[in-house]
Amino acid sequence: MQIIANEHIDIKSWTKFLKNNSFTSPFQTPEFYQFFNSVEGLSAEVFSIIEKDIIVALVVVTIHKEHGLKGFFSKRGIIYGGPLIEESDTGKVALRILLKHLYVCYKNKLIYLETRNLFDYKPFCEEYKESTWKYVPYCNIKMELRDFKLNDLLLKMKYNRRREISLSIKAGALVKEASNVEEVYKLFDILKSLYSSRVKLPLPDVDYFEKLYASSIGKVFIVQHNGKIIGGCFCIQYPKLSINTLYYAGIRNYDKKVFPTHLAIKGVIEYAINSQIPTVDLMGAGKPDQEYGVRDYKVQFGGNLVEYGRYLKILNPIMYKIGTIGVKMMSKI
């Protein structure tokens, strides 16, 4: 088996491997790799395992770090979705080679590597264990839309969620795709305010969201009321397969009869139905043994709570410990 990286990977072979793989998501596409490398301050690398000129495993690793001094304690590699692997003995061998290669590449460059699984990788748990990657329980929420109409899905939602969406529409609020970059900027301002005042977690700069909107895989939905943008959702999609919510936000306490974030998610669901996309992935829902308000919110839209977890490879234990303490302190400030 041979390892090939970055621009040396044949795009046609990569695309073909995506179409025939059970672990395909928007995050392992050439378009996502190109988008991520187009954002200032971010970067991504892609590695493939080749056997007899055929790709048998592939992974896109995104590199993140915060600005300033915090960047020294936060440089990490995130594998969104999880790697693409053949479900066979050949795939297991290829995964072992891939994991070893990632360790060699990043052991002196990053603090940790993490896969944020969107699928069940249990058949490969021994390969991760042998390579000393730790499984961390983690949930997300998937909505399977195949053969459903919008009214069917609205009926699957909790009563209050359905009622609040109806109230919002009656009050004149609407959701649509962003039609220009100025609308993207206005939604980003709402999101930035939310993260600054409540979420207390790192948020990409506006360049990320501008480039996402311009990319072929990005989708931005905005919620309007009386001509004013009051919320919306940033998404990434793989046509005919899935659309994944990355960030959503709404102006808090805007109007007692208008619920911006509810409408944003309703807009994503409606778009998926109209575009024949069978899965809406609402993404992260926290650790199963911990209370998490975001999970409580998302599950009310009628999706399925699944635990595919994450795999973690700590490359610098001391720096990882310092960074973990720092994140906890920031969230309490």
Protein backbone atom coordinates (compact mmCIF):
# COMPACT_ATOMS: atom_id res chain seq x y z
CA MET A 1 0.00 0.00 0.00
CA GLN A 2 1.13 3.53 -0.80
CA ILE A 3 0.42 6.87 0.93
CA ILE A 4 -0.39 9.85 -1.28
CA ALA A 5 -1.14 13.33 0.04
CA ASN A 6 -2.65 16.67 -0.93
CA GLU A 7 -2.24 17.81 -4.55
CA HIS A 8 -0.84 14.41 -5.56
CA ILE A 9 -4.23 12.76 -5.02
CA ASP A 10 -6.23 12.33 -8.21
CA ILE A 11 -9.52 14.24 -7.84
CA LYS A 12 -11.46 11.86 -10.08
CA SER A 13 -10.35 8.87 -8.00
CA TRP A 14 -11.20 10.74 -4.81
CA THR A 15 -14.68 11.61 -6.09
CA LYS A 16 -15.29 8.03 -7.18
CA PHE A 17 -14.25 6.73 -3.76
CA LEU A 18 -16.73 9.12 -2.13
CA LYS A 19 -19.63 7.85 -4.22
CA ASN A 20 -19.06 4.25 -3.16
CA ASN A 21 -18.23 4.72 0.53
CA SER A 22 -20.50 4.21 3.54
CA PHE A 23 -18.77 6.99 5.49
CA THR A 24 -19.15 9.77 2.93
CA SER A 25 -19.97 13.22 4.27
CA PRO A 26 -19.47 16.77 2.97
CA PHE A 27 -16.39 17.04 5.19
CA GLN A 28 -14.33 14.50 3.26
CA THR A 29 -14.86 15.99 -0.21
CA PRO A 30 -12.35 17.82 -2.44
CA GLU A 31 -14.66 20.86 -2.21
CA PHE A 32 -14.42 20.98 1.59
CA TYR A 33 -10.64 20.53 1.46
CA GLN A 34 -10.38 23.41 -1.01
CA PHE A 35 -12.78 25.60 0.95
CA PHE A 36 -10.93 25.10 4.22
CA ASN A 37 -7.59 25.95 2.65
CA SER A 38 -9.08 29.14 1.19
CA VAL A 39 -9.83 30.60 4.64
CA GLU A 40 -7.15 32.83 6.11
CA GLY A 41 -5.64 31.31 9.25
CA LEU A 42 -6.99 27.81 8.57
CA SER A 43 -5.55 24.90 6.64
CA ALA A 44 -6.28 21.29 5.74
CA GLU A 45 -4.37 18.28 4.51
CA VAL A 46 -5.64 15.14 2.82
CA PHE A 47 -4.03 11.69 2.92
CA SER A 48 -5.03 8.62 0.95
CA ILE A 49 -3.97 4.99 1.02
CA ILE A 50 -3.63 3.47 -2.44
CA GLU A 51 -3.57 -0.22 -3.36
CA LYS A 52 -3.16 -1.20 -7.02
CA ASP A 53 -3.91 2.40 -8.04
CA ILE A 54 -7.22 2.36 -6.15
CA ILE A 55 -7.99 4.46 -3.05
CA VAL A 56 -8.89 2.22 -0.08
CA ALA A 57 -8.81 4.89 2.68
CA LEU A 58 -8.77 8.69 2.79
CA VAL A 59 -8.92 11.39 5.41
CA VAL A 60 -9.14 15.20 5.42
CA VAL A 61 -7.45 16.71 8.49
CA THR A 62 -8.35 20.32 9.30
CA ILE A 63 -5.83 22.31 11.33
CA HIS A 64 -7.10 24.82 13.90
CA LYS A 65 -5.56 27.24 16.37
CA GLU A 66 -6.77 30.36 18.13
CA HIS A 67 -5.34 33.83 17.67
CA GLY A 68 -2.39 35.15 19.63
CA LEU A 69 -0.94 33.35 22.65
CA LYS A 70 -3.95 31.01 22.82
CA GLY A 71 -2.82 29.51 19.53
CA PHE A 72 0.21 28.04 21.28
CA PHE A 73 -2.08 26.00 23.54
CA SER A 74 -4.77 25.12 21.03
CA LYS A 75 -3.23 23.82 17.81
CA ARG A 76 -5.20 20.72 16.92
CA GLY A 77 -6.27 18.54 14.03
CA ILE A 78 -9.98 17.81 13.57
CA ILE A 79 -11.28 15.12 11.23
CA TYR A 80 -14.90 16.09 10.68
CA GLY A 81 -17.22 13.21 9.88
CA GLY A 82 -14.49 10.59 10.24
CA PRO A 83 -12.21 8.98 7.64
CA LEU A 84 -13.35 7.23 4.50
CA ILE A 85 -12.58 3.52 4.80
CA GLU A 86 -13.45 0.40 2.87
CA GLU A 87 -15.55 -1.92 5.03
CA SER A 88 -13.27 -4.91 4.54
CA ASP A 89 -10.08 -6.46 5.87
CA THR A 90 -8.20 -4.33 3.34
CA GLY A 91 -9.86 -1.27 4.82
CA LYS A 92 -8.77 -2.23 8.32
CA VAL A 93 -5.16 -2.65 7.21
CA ALA A 94 -5.34 0.69 5.40
CA LEU A 95 -6.73 2.40 8.51
CA ARG A 96 -3.82 1.13 10.62
CA ILE A 97 -1.37 2.54 8.09
CA LEU A 98 -3.29 5.82 7.95
CA LEU A 99 -3.39 6.26 11.74
CA LYS A 100 0.32 5.54 12.03
CA HIS A 101 1.04 8.06 9.28
CA LEU A 102 -1.04 10.75 11.00
CA TYR A 103 0.92 10.23 14.20
CA VAL A 104 4.26 10.55 12.42
CA CYS A 105 3.09 13.67 10.55
CA TYR A 106 1.67 15.55 13.52
CA LYS A 107 3.37 14.29 16.69
CA ASN A 108 5.59 17.39 16.90
CA LYS A 109 3.15 19.83 15.33
CA LEU A 110 -0.20 19.44 17.07
CA ILE A 111 -1.48 18.95 20.60
CA TYR A 112 -4.08 16.38 19.61
CA LEU A 113 -6.00 14.79 16.76
CA GLU A 114 -9.72 14.08 16.95
CA THR A 115 -12.29 12.43 14.70
CA ARG A 116 -15.83 13.77 15.07
CA ASN A 117 -17.74 10.78 13.82
CA LEU A 118 -20.96 11.12 11.87
CA PHE A 119 -21.23 7.36 11.37
CA ASP A 120 -20.80 4.16 13.35
CA TYR A 121 -17.09 3.23 13.33
CA LYS A 122 -17.44 0.37 15.83
CA PRO A 123 -16.25 -2.22 13.23
CA PHE A 124 -12.89 -0.38 13.34
CA CYS A 125 -12.60 0.10 17.11
CA GLU A 126 -9.74 -2.41 17.42
CA GLU A 127 -7.68 -0.55 14.83
CA TYR A 128 -8.12 2.70 16.76
CA LYS A 129 -7.36 0.97 20.06
CA GLU A 130 -4.17 -0.60 18.69
CA SER A 131 -3.04 2.87 17.60
CA THR A 132 -3.85 4.26 21.11
CA TRP A 133 -6.73 6.45 20.03
CA LYS A 134 -9.25 6.84 22.87
CA TYR A 135 -12.97 6.53 22.24
CA VAL A 136 -14.97 9.43 23.73
CA PRO A 137 -18.78 9.02 23.88
CA TYR A 138 -20.50 11.85 22.03
CA CYS A 139 -23.94 12.32 20.48
CA ASN A 140 -25.44 13.99 17.47
CA ILE A 141 -28.92 14.20 16.00
CA LYS A 142 -29.92 12.95 12.56
CA MET A 143 -33.20 13.47 10.78
CA GLU A 144 -34.02 10.88 8.12
CA LEU A 145 -36.29 12.53 5.57
CA ARG A 146 -36.65 9.86 2.91
CA ASP A 147 -40.28 9.54 1.74
CA PHE A 148 -41.45 12.24 4.19
CA LYS A 149 -43.21 15.49 3.35
CA LEU A 150 -42.75 18.70 5.34
CA ASN A 151 -46.07 18.33 7.16
CA ASP A 152 -45.11 14.78 8.18
CA LEU A 153 -41.91 16.07 9.73
CA LEU A 154 -43.63 18.97 11.44
CA LEU A 155 -45.94 16.45 13.09
CA LYS A 156 -42.91 14.52 14.41
CA MET A 157 -41.68 17.63 16.24
CA LYS A 158 -42.56 18.35 19.85
CA TYR A 159 -45.85 20.24 20.11
CA ASN A 160 -44.30 23.46 21.43
CA ARG A 161 -41.68 23.51 18.68
CA ARG A 162 -44.36 23.05 16.02
CA ARG A 163 -46.57 25.70 17.63
CA GLU A 164 -43.73 28.23 17.83
CA ILE A 165 -42.87 27.74 14.15
CA SER A 166 -46.53 28.33 13.29
CA LEU A 167 -46.64 31.47 15.45
CA SER A 168 -43.52 32.81 13.74
CA ILE A 169 -44.97 32.32 10.27
CA LYS A 170 -48.29 33.93 11.28
CA ALA A 171 -46.34 36.92 12.62
CA GLY A 172 -44.83 37.40 9.15
CA ALA A 173 -41.39 35.87 9.68
CA LEU A 174 -39.92 33.87 6.82
CA VAL A 175 -36.82 31.81 6.02
CA LYS A 176 -34.98 31.76 2.70
CA GLU A 177 -31.55 31.14 1.24
CA ALA A 178 -29.17 34.08 1.50
CA SER A 179 -29.18 36.01 -1.77
CA ASN A 180 -26.01 38.07 -1.31
CA VAL A 181 -22.93 38.32 0.86
CA GLU A 182 -24.31 41.33 2.77
CA GLU A 183 -26.96 39.05 4.24
CA VAL A 184 -24.20 36.64 5.25
CA TYR A 185 -22.40 39.45 7.09
CA LYS A 186 -25.57 40.40 8.98
CA LEU A 187 -26.16 36.81 10.05
CA PHE A 188 -22.52 36.52 11.11
CA ASP A 189 -22.93 39.58 13.35
CA ILE A 190 -25.84 37.86 15.14
CA LEU A 191 -23.81 34.67 15.50
CA LYS A 192 -20.75 36.54 16.78
CA SER A 193 -22.84 38.32 19.41
CA LEU A 194 -24.25 34.98 20.58
CA TYR A 195 -20.82 33.38 20.88
CA SER A 196 -19.38 36.40 22.66
CA SER A 197 -22.18 36.74 25.21
CA ARG A 198 -23.29 33.15 25.83
CA VAL A 199 -21.49 30.31 24.08
CA LYS A 200 -17.95 31.35 25.06
CA LEU A 201 -16.30 29.09 22.48
CA PRO A 202 -14.00 29.94 19.55
CA LEU A 203 -15.75 31.11 16.39
CA PRO A 204 -14.11 31.40 12.95
CA ASP A 205 -13.62 34.87 11.52
CA VAL A 206 -16.09 36.27 9.01
CA ASP A 207 -13.82 35.13 6.15
CA TYR A 208 -14.81 31.52 6.94
CA PHE A 209 -18.51 32.25 6.49
CA GLU A 210 -17.99 34.37 3.40
CA LYS A 211 -15.95 31.60 1.74
CA LEU A 212 -18.49 28.98 2.84
CA TYR A 213 -21.28 30.95 1.16
CA ALA A 214 -19.21 31.23 -2.03
CA SER A 215 -18.34 27.53 -2.12
CA SER A 216 -20.32 24.87 -3.98
CA ILE A 217 -20.98 22.93 -0.76
CA GLY A 218 -22.05 25.82 1.48
CA LYS A 219 -25.65 26.82 2.15
CA VAL A 220 -26.77 29.83 4.17
CA PHE A 221 -30.36 30.32 5.32
CA ILE A 222 -31.57 33.62 6.75
CA VAL A 223 -34.69 34.43 8.76
CA GLN A 224 -36.36 37.77 8.15
CA HIS A 225 -39.11 39.72 9.86
CA ASN A 226 -40.40 43.02 8.55
CA GLY A 227 -37.41 43.16 6.22
CA LYS A 228 -34.86 42.69 9.04
CA ILE A 229 -32.52 39.73 9.31
CA ILE A 230 -33.09 38.22 12.75
CA GLY A 231 -31.38 34.83 12.47
CA GLY A 232 -30.34 31.98 10.26
CA CYS A 233 -28.16 28.94 9.77
CA PHE A 234 -24.84 28.09 8.10
CA CYS A 235 -24.75 24.62 6.54
CA ILE A 236 -22.63 22.32 4.41
CA GLN A 237 -24.07 19.76 2.01
CA TYR A 238 -23.31 16.74 -0.12
CA PRO A 239 -25.93 16.67 -2.91
CA LYS A 240 -28.47 13.84 -2.67
CA LEU A 241 -26.88 12.58 0.56
CA SER A 242 -26.90 14.99 3.52
CA ILE A 243 -26.98 18.57 4.69
CA ASN A 244 -25.26 19.37 7.99
CA THR A 245 -25.90 22.39 10.21
CA LEU A 246 -22.66 24.07 11.26
CA TYR A 247 -23.85 27.20 13.09
CA TYR A 248 -27.26 28.69 13.73
CA ALA A 249 -28.33 31.79 15.64
CA GLY A 250 -31.18 34.19 16.25
CA ILE A 251 -31.62 37.51 18.02
CA ARG A 252 -32.57 36.64 21.59
CA ASN A 253 -35.90 37.86 22.92
CA TYR A 254 -36.62 39.52 19.59
CA ASP A 255 -40.39 39.07 19.76
CA LYS A 256 -42.50 36.78 21.94
CA LYS A 257 -44.25 35.44 18.83
CA VAL A 258 -41.19 35.03 16.59
CA PHE A 259 -38.59 32.26 17.03
CA PRO A 260 -35.72 32.84 14.56
CA THR A 261 -33.67 29.69 15.19
CA HIS A 262 -36.73 27.46 14.90
CA LEU A 263 -37.47 28.89 11.47
CA ALA A 264 -33.82 28.56 10.42
CA ILE A 265 -33.85 24.81 11.09
CA LYS A 266 -37.27 24.49 9.46
CA GLY A 267 -35.74 26.16 6.38
CA VAL A 268 -32.94 23.59 6.28
CA ILE A 269 -35.42 20.71 6.50
CA GLU A 270 -37.61 22.17 3.76
CA TYR A 271 -34.61 22.72 1.50
CA ALA A 272 -33.49 19.11 2.03
CA ILE A 273 -36.93 17.78 1.09
CA ASN A 274 -37.13 19.93 -2.04
CA SER A 275 -33.56 18.97 -3.04
CA GLN A 276 -34.10 15.23 -2.42
CA ILE A 277 -31.48 15.14 0.33
CA PRO A 278 -32.42 12.22 2.61
CA THR A 279 -30.57 13.29 5.77
CA VAL A 280 -30.38 16.46 7.83
CA ASP A 281 -27.61 16.18 10.42
CA LEU A 282 -28.04 18.67 13.26
CA MET A 283 -24.53 17.74 14.43
CA GLY A 284 -23.17 17.93 17.96
CA ALA A 285 -25.42 16.97 20.87
CA GLY A 286 -22.87 16.64 23.67
CA LYS A 287 -21.74 13.80 25.91
CA PRO A 288 -24.53 11.35 26.73
CA ASP A 289 -23.88 11.40 30.49
CA GLN A 290 -23.97 15.19 30.80
CA GLU A 291 -26.87 17.62 30.66
CA TYR A 292 -26.68 19.72 27.53
CA GLY A 293 -29.21 22.38 26.63
CA VAL A 294 -28.29 22.32 22.95
CA ARG A 295 -29.18 18.61 22.78
CA ASP A 296 -32.51 19.27 24.50
CA TYR A 297 -33.23 21.97 21.93
CA LYS A 298 -32.25 19.98 18.84
CA VAL A 299 -34.05 16.78 19.78
CA GLN A 300 -37.37 18.63 19.82
CA PHE A 301 -37.24 18.84 16.03
CA GLY A 302 -37.97 15.12 15.84
CA GLY A 303 -34.58 13.72 14.87
CA ASN A 304 -32.89 10.57 16.14
CA LEU A 305 -30.33 10.87 18.92
CA VAL A 306 -27.31 8.74 17.99
CA GLU A 307 -23.98 8.15 19.70
CA TYR A 308 -21.16 7.64 17.21
CA GLY A 309 -18.62 9.24 19.52
CA ARG A 310 -15.21 10.65 18.78
CA TYR A 311 -11.73 9.17 18.65
CA LEU A 312 -9.00 11.16 20.35
CA LYS A 313 -5.23 10.91 19.94
CA ILE A 314 -3.34 13.09 22.41
CA LEU A 315 0.05 14.01 20.99
CA ASN A 316 1.23 16.40 23.72
CA PRO A 317 -0.33 15.45 27.09
CA ILE A 318 0.97 18.47 29.03
CA MET A 319 -0.24 21.03 26.49
CA TYR A 320 -3.53 19.14 26.15
CA LYS A 321 -4.11 19.40 29.90
CA ILE A 322 -3.34 23.11 29.94
CA GLY A 323 -5.63 23.72 26.96
CA THR A 324 -8.50 21.75 28.53
CA ILE A 325 -8.27 23.80 31.73
CA GLY A 326 -8.18 27.00 29.69
CA VAL A 327 -11.35 26.13 27.75
CA LYS A 328 -13.20 25.35 30.99
CA MET A 329 -12.09 28.67 32.50
CA MET A 330 -13.16 30.63 29.41
CA SER A 331 -16.62 29.02 29.44
CA LYS A 332 -17.16 30.19 33.04
CA ILE A 333 -16.05 33.78 32.53
